[in-house]
Protein backbone atom coordinates (compact mmCIF):
# COMPACT_ATOMS: atom_id res chain seq x y z
CA MET A 1 -29.81 -11.57 2.87
CA LYS A 2 -27.96 -10.34 5.94
CA VAL A 3 -24.47 -8.85 6.15
CA GLU A 4 -23.24 -8.02 9.68
CA GLN A 5 -19.86 -6.51 10.52
CA LEU A 6 -18.64 -7.66 13.89
CA TYR A 7 -16.07 -5.04 14.87
CA THR A 8 -13.67 -5.59 17.79
CA SER A 9 -12.18 -2.20 18.79
CA CYS A 10 -9.20 -3.46 20.82
CA LEU A 11 -7.83 -5.33 17.72
CA ALA A 12 -9.34 -2.85 15.26
CA GLN A 13 -10.64 -6.04 13.53
CA GLY A 14 -13.73 -6.75 11.43
CA ALA A 15 -15.14 -10.20 11.18
CA TYR A 16 -18.33 -10.76 8.97
CA TYR A 17 -21.50 -12.74 9.27
CA ILE A 18 -23.27 -13.31 5.95
CA GLU A 19 -26.57 -15.18 5.61
CA SER A 20 -29.11 -16.13 2.95
CA ASN A 21 -32.00 -18.54 2.92
CA GLY A 22 -30.86 -20.56 5.94
CA GLU A 23 -27.21 -20.79 5.16
CA ALA A 24 -24.47 -18.54 6.58
CA ALA A 25 -20.75 -17.93 6.13
CA ILE A 26 -18.20 -16.32 8.43
CA ILE A 27 -15.28 -14.27 7.20
CA ASP A 28 -12.12 -13.88 9.41
CA PRO A 29 -13.71 -15.14 12.66
CA LEU A 30 -12.12 -14.21 16.05
CA ARG A 31 -10.81 -16.93 18.43
CA GLU A 32 -14.01 -17.08 20.51
CA VAL A 33 -16.36 -18.77 18.03
CA ASP A 34 -19.40 -19.45 20.06
CA GLN A 35 -20.79 -16.01 19.18
CA TYR A 36 -21.07 -16.97 15.53
CA ILE A 37 -22.58 -20.32 16.27
CA GLN A 38 -25.21 -18.61 18.45
CA MET A 39 -25.92 -16.00 15.84
CA ALA A 40 -26.69 -18.68 13.26
CA ALA A 41 -28.78 -20.66 15.72
CA ASP A 42 -30.86 -17.57 16.62
CA ARG A 43 -31.60 -17.19 12.85
CA ASN A 44 -32.19 -20.84 12.17
CA ALA A 45 -29.30 -20.84 9.80
CA GLN A 46 -26.38 -23.34 9.26
CA ILE A 47 -22.80 -22.12 8.90
CA LYS A 48 -21.77 -23.51 5.52
CA TYR A 49 -18.37 -21.91 4.92
CA ILE A 50 -15.53 -20.18 6.92
CA PHE A 51 -13.61 -17.88 4.71
CA GLU A 52 -10.16 -16.58 5.57
CA THR A 53 -8.83 -13.57 3.55
CA HIS A 54 -5.14 -14.58 4.41
CA PHE A 55 -3.06 -16.02 7.21
CA HIS A 56 -3.47 -13.25 9.78
CA ALA A 57 -0.45 -11.99 11.67
CA ASP A 58 -2.17 -9.63 14.20
CA PHE A 59 -4.53 -12.13 15.76
CA VAL A 60 -5.27 -15.80 15.93
CA SER A 61 -8.35 -16.55 13.86
CA GLY A 62 -11.13 -18.78 15.12
CA HIS A 63 -11.25 -20.82 11.85
CA VAL A 64 -9.90 -24.10 13.29
CA ASP A 65 -12.25 -24.23 16.30
CA LEU A 66 -15.25 -23.00 14.29
CA SER A 67 -14.83 -25.74 11.71
CA LYS A 68 -14.49 -28.43 14.42
CA LYS A 69 -17.69 -27.23 16.09
CA THR A 70 -19.83 -26.76 13.00
CA GLY A 71 -18.25 -28.97 10.34
CA ALA A 72 -18.02 -26.06 7.96
CA PRO A 73 -15.01 -26.15 5.67
CA ILE A 74 -12.26 -23.57 5.83
CA VAL A 75 -11.47 -21.67 2.63
CA TYR A 76 -8.19 -19.94 1.67
CA GLY A 77 -7.11 -18.43 -1.65
CA PRO A 78 -4.17 -19.88 -3.63
CA THR A 79 -1.25 -20.80 -1.39
CA GLU A 80 1.62 -23.27 -1.24
CA MET A 81 1.60 -23.26 2.59
CA LYS A 82 0.77 -26.63 4.10
CA THR A 83 -1.85 -26.36 6.82
CA ARG A 84 -2.15 -28.82 9.66
CA PHE A 85 -5.94 -28.91 9.32
CA GLU A 86 -8.24 -29.62 6.39
CA ALA A 87 -8.98 -26.66 4.16
CA ILE A 88 -10.21 -25.84 0.67
CA ILE A 89 -7.39 -24.07 -1.25
CA ALA A 90 -9.55 -22.27 -3.70
CA ALA A 91 -8.51 -20.81 -7.20
CA ASP A 92 -8.83 -17.31 -8.35
CA GLY A 93 -12.42 -16.87 -9.53
CA ASP A 94 -13.93 -19.78 -7.65
CA VAL A 95 -17.55 -19.15 -6.57
CA PHE A 96 -19.18 -20.29 -3.44
CA HIS A 97 -22.93 -20.42 -2.92
CA ILE A 98 -24.56 -19.47 0.34
CA GLY A 99 -28.35 -19.78 0.09
CA ASN A 100 -29.45 -17.49 -2.80
CA ILE A 101 -26.23 -15.48 -2.87
CA GLN A 102 -22.63 -16.17 -3.93
CA LEU A 103 -19.11 -15.13 -2.99
CA LYS A 104 -16.41 -15.10 -5.58
CA LEU A 105 -12.82 -15.42 -4.56
CA ILE A 106 -10.47 -12.81 -6.08
CA HIS A 107 -6.85 -13.63 -5.54
CA THR A 108 -5.04 -10.27 -4.57
CA PRO A 109 -1.46 -10.99 -3.46
CA GLY A 110 0.48 -8.02 -1.94
CA HIS A 111 -0.05 -7.94 1.73
CA THR A 112 0.71 -11.67 1.78
CA MET A 113 0.97 -14.04 -1.19
CA GLU A 114 -2.33 -15.86 -0.43
CA SER A 115 -4.29 -12.61 0.31
CA SER A 116 -7.72 -12.84 -1.29
CA CYS A 117 -10.94 -10.73 -1.46
CA TYR A 118 -14.46 -12.04 -1.58
CA LEU A 119 -16.97 -10.44 -3.98
CA LEU A 120 -20.61 -10.74 -2.92
CA THR A 121 -23.39 -11.02 -5.42
CA ASN A 122 -26.81 -10.63 -3.91
CA GLU A 123 -30.05 -12.40 -4.28
CA GLU A 124 -30.97 -10.26 -7.28
CA GLY A 125 -27.72 -11.06 -9.05
CA LYS A 126 -26.05 -7.75 -8.41
CA GLU A 127 -22.52 -7.33 -7.12
CA GLU A 128 -23.14 -5.54 -3.75
CA ALA A 129 -20.03 -5.82 -1.59
CA ILE A 130 -16.45 -6.82 -1.39
CA PHE A 131 -14.62 -8.16 1.68
CA THR A 132 -11.12 -7.01 1.22
CA GLY A 133 -9.19 -8.41 4.13
CA ASP A 134 -5.88 -6.61 4.49
CA THR A 135 -5.69 -5.88 0.69
CA LEU A 136 -7.65 -2.71 0.72
CA PHE A 137 -8.41 -0.60 3.90
CA ILE A 138 -10.41 2.55 4.14
CA GLY A 139 -7.81 5.19 3.22
CA ASP A 140 -4.88 2.74 3.01
CA VAL A 141 -3.72 -0.71 1.92
CA GLY A 142 -2.09 -3.51 3.86
CA ARG A 143 1.58 -3.24 4.66
CA PRO A 144 3.83 -5.32 2.41
CA ASP A 145 6.56 -6.33 4.87
CA LEU A 146 4.86 -9.08 7.00
CA ALA A 147 4.99 -12.22 4.75
CA GLN A 148 8.82 -11.77 4.31
CA HIS A 149 9.16 -12.72 7.94
CA VAL A 150 7.52 -16.10 7.21
CA VAL A 151 8.36 -16.91 3.53
CA GLU A 152 12.00 -16.94 2.48
CA GLY A 153 12.91 -14.88 -0.61
CA LEU A 154 10.08 -12.33 -0.26
CA THR A 155 10.88 -8.73 0.08
CA GLU A 156 8.69 -5.77 0.88
CA GLU A 157 9.40 -4.38 -2.53
CA LYS A 158 8.34 -7.54 -4.27
CA LEU A 159 5.17 -7.65 -2.16
CA ALA A 160 4.45 -3.99 -2.85
CA GLY A 161 4.77 -4.71 -6.62
CA HIS A 162 2.16 -7.52 -6.24
CA MET A 163 -0.10 -5.18 -4.36
CA PHE A 164 0.08 -2.63 -7.15
CA ASP A 165 -0.88 -5.27 -9.73
CA SER A 166 -3.71 -6.69 -7.64
CA LEU A 167 -5.28 -3.22 -7.05
CA ARG A 168 -4.97 -2.09 -10.65
CA ASN A 169 -6.06 -5.46 -12.21
CA LYS A 170 -8.49 -6.91 -9.72
CA ILE A 171 -10.01 -4.17 -7.59
CA MET A 172 -10.08 -0.95 -9.39
CA PRO A 173 -12.10 -2.31 -12.44
CA LEU A 174 -14.94 -3.24 -10.14
CA GLY A 175 -18.11 -1.08 -9.76
CA ASP A 176 -17.91 2.18 -7.87
CA ASP A 177 -21.15 1.32 -5.78
CA LEU A 178 -19.55 -1.77 -4.20
CA ILE A 179 -19.42 -1.56 -0.43
CA VAL A 180 -15.86 -2.19 0.75
CA TYR A 181 -15.62 -4.17 4.03
CA PRO A 182 -12.02 -4.47 5.19
CA ALA A 183 -10.52 -6.55 8.00
CA HIS A 184 -9.19 -3.56 9.93
CA GLY A 185 -9.63 0.06 10.88
CA ALA A 186 -7.65 2.71 12.66
CA GLY A 187 -5.29 1.37 15.32
CA SER A 188 -4.26 -1.74 13.52
CA ALA A 189 -0.55 -2.26 12.80
CA CYS A 190 -1.43 -3.91 9.48
CA GLY A 191 -1.38 -0.61 7.68
CA LYS A 192 0.29 2.81 8.05
CA ASN A 193 -2.55 5.27 8.31
CA LEU A 194 -6.01 3.58 8.33
CA SER A 195 -9.19 5.48 8.59
CA SER A 196 -11.51 5.21 11.59
CA GLU A 197 -14.24 4.44 9.12
CA THR A 198 -14.79 0.63 8.93
CA SER A 199 -16.61 0.66 5.49
CA ASP A 200 -17.06 2.83 2.36
CA THR A 201 -17.93 2.60 -1.28
CA LEU A 202 -15.30 1.59 -3.71
CA GLY A 203 -16.00 4.69 -5.77
CA ASN A 204 -15.18 6.90 -2.83
CA GLN A 205 -11.96 5.03 -2.20
CA LYS A 206 -10.93 5.54 -5.77
CA GLU A 207 -11.24 9.20 -5.22
CA THR A 208 -9.66 9.45 -1.77
CA ASN A 209 -7.30 6.56 -1.25
CA TYR A 210 -3.79 7.37 -2.32
CA ALA A 211 -3.16 3.73 -3.34
CA LEU A 212 -5.93 3.83 -5.93
CA ASN A 213 -4.60 6.88 -7.79
CA PRO A 214 -4.66 5.83 -11.43
CA GLU A 215 -1.94 8.38 -12.18
CA MET A 216 0.60 6.78 -9.78
CA SER A 217 3.32 4.74 -11.37
CA LYS A 218 4.28 1.37 -10.01
CA GLU A 219 7.69 2.65 -8.94
CA ALA A 220 6.09 5.50 -7.03
CA PHE A 221 3.55 3.19 -5.47
CA ILE A 222 6.32 0.86 -4.18
CA LYS A 223 8.15 3.80 -2.75
CA GLU A 224 5.09 5.16 -1.04
CA LEU A 225 4.04 1.86 0.34
CA THR A 226 7.45 1.03 1.79
CA THR A 227 8.22 4.42 3.26
CA GLY A 228 7.58 4.91 6.97
CA LEU A 229 7.36 1.29 7.85
CA VAL A 230 8.83 0.14 11.27
CA SER A 231 9.48 -3.35 12.45
CA PRO A 232 6.13 -5.15 13.02
CA PRO A 233 5.40 -6.44 16.54
CA GLY A 234 7.28 -9.58 17.47
CA TYR A 235 4.20 -11.67 17.85
CA PHE A 236 3.07 -11.23 14.25
CA PRO A 237 5.12 -14.08 12.70
CA LYS A 238 4.05 -16.36 15.64
CA ASN A 239 0.44 -15.64 15.04
CA VAL A 240 0.88 -16.48 11.28
CA MET A 241 2.30 -19.89 12.26
CA LEU A 242 -0.54 -20.53 14.62
CA ASN A 243 -3.05 -19.72 11.92
CA ILE A 244 -1.25 -22.09 9.61
CA GLN A 245 -0.48 -24.98 12.01
CA GLY A 246 -3.52 -24.84 14.41
CA TYR A 247 -3.70 -24.30 18.09
CA ASP A 248 -5.25 -25.48 21.43
CA GLU A 249 -9.04 -25.37 21.68
CA ILE A 250 -10.31 -22.08 23.10
CA ASP A 251 -12.47 -23.82 25.66
CA ASP A 252 -9.39 -25.57 27.12
CA VAL A 253 -7.34 -22.32 27.17
CA LEU A 254 -10.16 -20.50 29.05
CA LYS A 255 -10.49 -23.23 31.62
CA LYS A 256 -6.85 -23.25 32.39
CA GLY A 257 -6.48 -19.45 32.55
CA THR A 258 -9.54 -18.70 34.69
CA LYS A 259 -8.44 -21.04 37.53
CA ALA A 260 -8.86 -19.11 40.75
CA LEU A 261 -5.64 -19.11 42.83
CA SER A 262 -5.53 -18.43 46.57
CA VAL A 263 -2.98 -15.83 47.83
CA GLU A 264 -0.70 -18.59 48.99
CA GLU A 265 -0.86 -20.53 45.64
CA PHE A 266 -0.32 -17.18 43.67
CA GLU A 267 2.69 -16.26 45.88
CA VAL A 268 4.31 -19.60 45.21
CA LEU A 269 4.03 -19.11 41.53
CA THR A 270 5.48 -15.49 41.70
CA GLU A 271 8.70 -17.02 43.02
CA GLU A 272 9.17 -19.18 39.88
CA ASP A 273 11.52 -17.72 37.36
CA ASP A 274 9.37 -18.70 34.32
CA VAL A 275 6.18 -17.12 35.51
CA MET A 276 5.10 -13.53 34.68
CA ILE A 277 2.74 -11.52 36.77
CA LEU A 278 0.41 -9.50 34.54
CA ASP A 279 -1.74 -6.85 36.29
CA THR A 280 -4.62 -5.81 34.07
CA ARG A 281 -6.21 -3.18 36.34
CA ALA A 282 -6.43 0.55 35.45
CA PRO A 283 -3.11 2.32 35.38
CA GLU A 284 -3.98 4.62 38.30
CA ASP A 285 -4.97 1.69 40.44
CA PHE A 286 -1.74 -0.19 39.62
CA ALA A 287 0.42 2.85 40.48
CA GLN A 288 -0.90 2.95 44.03
CA ARG A 289 -0.26 -0.69 44.96
CA PHE A 290 0.98 -3.65 43.05
CA ILE A 291 2.60 -7.02 43.57
CA PRO A 292 6.37 -6.62 43.18
CA ASN A 293 7.69 -7.52 39.69
CA ALA A 294 4.22 -7.31 38.21
CA ILE A 295 3.83 -5.69 34.72
CA SER A 296 0.90 -3.24 34.14
CA ILE A 297 -1.06 -3.72 30.89
CA GLY A 298 -4.59 -2.53 31.49
CA ILE A 299 -7.46 -4.43 30.08
CA ASP A 300 -9.25 -1.10 29.17
CA GLY A 301 -6.91 -0.25 26.26
CA ASN A 302 -5.06 -1.94 23.39
CA PHE A 303 -4.40 -4.76 25.74
CA ALA A 304 -3.86 -7.68 23.36
CA VAL A 305 -1.54 -5.57 21.06
CA TRP A 306 0.68 -4.55 23.92
CA VAL A 307 0.89 -7.95 25.36
CA GLY A 308 1.97 -9.28 21.90
CA THR A 309 4.50 -6.51 21.52
CA LEU A 310 6.01 -6.70 24.98
CA VAL A 311 5.79 -10.34 26.16
CA THR A 312 8.38 -11.74 23.86
CA ASP A 313 7.71 -15.45 24.55
CA ILE A 314 4.29 -16.36 23.20
CA ASN A 315 4.37 -19.50 25.41
CA GLN A 316 5.10 -17.46 28.59
CA LYS A 317 3.45 -18.75 31.73
CA ILE A 318 1.26 -15.91 33.04
CA ILE A 319 -0.62 -15.36 36.30
CA LEU A 320 -3.16 -12.56 36.39
CA VAL A 321 -4.30 -9.76 38.64
CA VAL A 322 -7.69 -8.66 37.42
CA ASP A 323 -10.70 -6.61 38.49
CA GLU A 324 -13.38 -8.81 39.99
CA GLY A 325 -15.40 -10.75 37.29
CA ARG A 326 -13.12 -9.83 34.32
CA GLU A 327 -10.91 -12.95 34.36
CA ASN A 328 -12.75 -14.64 31.39
CA GLU A 329 -12.40 -11.43 29.36
CA VAL A 330 -8.65 -11.10 30.06
CA VAL A 331 -7.88 -14.74 29.14
CA THR A 332 -10.00 -14.52 26.00
CA ARG A 333 -8.15 -11.41 24.90
CA LEU A 334 -4.89 -13.00 25.55
CA ALA A 335 -5.92 -16.00 23.45
CA ARG A 336 -6.79 -13.70 20.53
CA VAL A 337 -3.14 -12.96 19.98
CA GLY A 338 -1.93 -16.64 20.79
CA TYR A 339 -1.00 -16.16 24.49
CA ASP A 340 -2.61 -19.51 25.62
CA ASN A 341 -0.46 -20.09 28.63
CA ALA A 342 -2.30 -18.03 31.37
CA ILE A 343 -2.36 -20.44 34.33
CA GLY A 344 -4.77 -18.64 36.78
CA TYR A 345 -5.76 -15.43 38.51
CA LEU A 346 -5.46 -14.09 41.96
CA GLU A 347 -8.79 -14.86 43.67
CA GLY A 348 -10.04 -11.61 45.39
CA GLY A 349 -7.60 -9.47 43.46
CA MET A 350 -5.26 -6.97 45.10
CA ASP A 351 -7.55 -6.64 48.03
CA SER A 352 -6.96 -10.22 49.11
CA TRP A 353 -3.12 -9.76 48.65
CA ILE A 354 -3.14 -6.61 50.86
CA THR A 355 -5.43 -8.12 53.41
CA SER A 356 -3.04 -11.00 53.72
CA GLY A 357 -0.25 -8.60 54.60
CA LYS A 358 1.87 -9.36 51.52
CA THR A 359 4.43 -6.91 50.19
CA VAL A 360 3.33 -4.32 47.69
CA ALA A 361 5.13 -1.70 45.61
CA SER A 362 4.10 1.59 44.09
CA ILE A 363 5.04 4.01 41.27
CA SER A 364 5.05 7.77 41.75
CA SER A 365 2.35 9.48 39.56
CA ILE A 366 1.71 13.17 39.45
CA SER A 367 -0.63 15.63 37.85
CA THR A 368 0.18 17.76 34.82
CA GLN A 369 0.01 20.81 37.12
CA GLU A 370 2.58 19.40 39.51
CA PHE A 371 4.77 18.29 36.53
CA ALA A 372 4.66 21.86 35.22
CA LYS A 373 6.00 23.17 38.53
CA ARG A 374 8.84 20.70 38.60
CA ALA A 375 9.54 21.10 34.86
CA LYS A 376 10.67 24.66 35.58
CA GLU A 377 13.96 23.12 36.76
CA ASN A 378 16.12 21.07 34.50
CA VAL A 379 14.48 17.68 34.52
CA ASN A 380 14.70 14.45 32.42
CA ILE A 381 11.56 13.78 30.38
CA LEU A 382 10.85 10.58 28.43
CA ASP A 383 8.13 10.59 25.86
CA VAL A 384 7.20 6.94 25.30
CA ARG A 385 4.78 7.48 22.29
CA LYS A 386 5.61 6.20 18.89
CA GLU A 387 8.23 8.03 16.92
CA SER A 388 5.58 9.34 14.49
CA GLU A 389 3.59 10.89 17.39
CA TYR A 390 6.72 12.43 18.86
CA MET A 391 7.91 13.85 15.55
CA SER A 392 4.43 15.34 15.10
CA GLU A 393 4.70 17.39 18.32
CA HIS A 394 6.52 17.13 21.64
CA ILE A 395 7.82 18.90 24.64
CA VAL A 396 11.05 20.66 23.75
CA ASP A 397 14.03 18.74 25.15
CA ALA A 398 11.98 15.64 25.87
CA GLU A 399 13.73 12.38 24.84
CA ASN A 400 11.69 9.88 22.76
CA MET A 401 11.92 6.24 23.96
CA PRO A 402 8.85 4.40 22.35
CA LEU A 403 7.29 1.80 24.50
CA ASP A 404 7.51 -0.67 21.53
CA PHE A 405 11.27 -0.80 21.99
CA VAL A 406 11.58 -0.45 25.69
CA TYR A 407 13.78 -3.50 26.22
CA ASN A 408 16.44 -2.41 23.69
CA ASN A 409 16.48 1.38 24.47
CA SER A 410 16.15 1.59 28.22
CA GLN A 411 19.52 0.01 28.86
CA SER A 412 21.01 3.49 28.33
CA LEU A 413 19.12 5.09 31.23
CA PRO A 414 21.06 5.53 34.43
CA GLN A 415 19.01 3.74 37.21
CA GLN A 416 19.69 6.48 39.84
CA ASP A 417 18.36 9.46 37.82
CA PRO A 418 14.78 10.49 38.06
CA TYR A 419 12.74 10.57 34.85
CA TYR A 420 9.28 11.97 34.18
CA VAL A 421 7.46 9.54 31.86
CA HIS A 422 4.54 10.41 29.69
CA CYS A 423 2.62 8.95 26.60
CA ALA A 424 -0.56 10.30 24.98
CA GLY A 425 -3.07 9.72 27.82
CA GLY A 426 -1.27 7.66 30.67
CA TYR A 427 -1.89 4.10 29.48
CA ARG A 428 1.47 3.34 27.82
CA SER A 429 3.54 5.41 30.28
CA MET A 430 2.45 3.19 33.11
CA ILE A 431 3.28 0.03 31.16
CA PHE A 432 6.70 1.58 30.52
CA ALA A 433 7.25 2.48 34.16
CA SER A 434 6.20 -0.96 35.33
CA ILE A 435 8.67 -2.75 33.03
CA LEU A 436 11.51 -0.58 34.22
CA HIS A 437 10.48 -0.88 37.85
CA GLN A 438 10.84 -4.62 37.50
CA LYS A 439 14.38 -4.04 36.13
CA GLY A 440 15.43 -1.87 39.17
CA TYR A 441 14.44 1.71 37.97
CA HIS A 442 12.61 3.04 40.90
CA ASN A 443 12.99 6.79 40.15
CA LEU A 444 10.44 7.09 37.42
CA ILE A 445 7.55 9.49 37.83
CA ASN A 446 4.42 8.97 35.67
CA VAL A 447 2.69 12.04 34.38
CA GLU A 448 -1.07 11.51 34.54
CA GLY A 449 -3.17 12.42 31.45
CA GLY A 450 -0.10 12.25 29.22
CA PHE A 451 0.58 14.57 26.28
CA ASP A 452 -3.11 15.31 25.88
CA ALA A 453 -3.21 16.96 29.29
CA ILE A 454 0.29 18.48 28.86
CA LYS A 455 -0.76 20.16 25.61
CA ALA A 456 -4.12 21.41 27.05
CA SER A 457 -2.44 22.92 30.11
CA GLY A 458 -0.52 25.46 28.00
CA ASP A 459 2.33 25.31 30.51
CA PHE A 460 5.01 23.78 28.36
CA GLU A 461 7.04 24.74 25.35
CA LEU A 462 6.16 22.49 22.52
CA THR A 463 7.61 21.97 18.99
CA GLU A 464 5.64 23.17 16.03
CA TYR A 465 2.87 20.67 15.08
CA VAL A 466 3.69 18.59 11.97
CA CYS A 467 0.89 16.43 10.48
CA PRO A 468 2.02 12.82 10.71
CA THR A 469 2.33 10.79 7.54
CA THR A 470 2.22 7.37 9.32
CA MET A 471 0.72 6.08 12.51
CA LEU A 472 3.27 3.24 12.91
């Protein structure tokens, strides 16, 4: 028997490959499915089932494409949602055999109504692991406010109540030595305060996870689970619908998005009102020279999450500026969150644009040391980290304007005033500055290294540190 966790850091997402005696199953596959097909082929195994723990909100699953390419059926837990593809809608307690092992579906509504876990019994007949999806994380449980954006009549309080019952009646009675394999780890917006660990024993979770405290009442649980939530990223409900209704084949999306565009072709597209220029280079490279009206979201960061949060139209036409050879990676990561309308990339990158004599723009970016000198005067400081980060510790007199809500909150900023902008490390502040630059704010100064460097310098008056209770 083989169990492999395939963890994707930029989405904080875990898919699983399970194999026994020539048969395999995939749980919660990513959009690019050839990796799973190749894994099975390398092991002379056939993919027999594709299990989904729920209709995902934070990424587009690869279930549809994987089923088309392998013929393996897609399995969901109990649901009244009508999919536009064939699927087995299993009942609570249904058992599926893979070689000499079995997976038992355990219906655990709470995060969503169809949410289900899969209990693995090994070749010796012993219950060995449980794949918990977004029901149980390491140190946390799934947030209860997502399905209400898709299903009428649901509230976060109702879902939290279902979660309490699912944990108490379905999960906590299971054996302490079970290995818990969740769908997400730290960095995911599907929970409030997930651990960086990506697996654990159920026994340890019973001791350390607040949600499994047997002394907690249902009322206290609901209050705890619903406190500290903020609005989920706007792309979440759209991804849910793609996972229910289906989507374009990933091979077609990649072919379209990785079309090389000459400088002339790219320039023509930049002049169209419905086309966005997305620059995926490092923030420091973007700051020096970029194509006017481009938005910076660097590929070496939480790229897909920030695209989904800030590009409000999931069908937005996108043209790309990428580092040489990374166009396939960029288009793949866009597709993971349902942004399938990339229509090409600038051949030769920024070098070709500059060599052709085309207009470029720049954003002022200074070191922490220079910022400290300037901050001795009365200056405007924007902290674009999440509110939870800001409330934990920040520069005295800095204003909090989270990147998540840049379009709503930035309207209050006077365009003519200079503002010093920082996040935690420099990634988000450049995204923020690029969006406002596009809107006519040309007096923003990015602080390199962000709050991490600011705190390390010892040159700034900071508020007293408070341990955050949520990472949302």
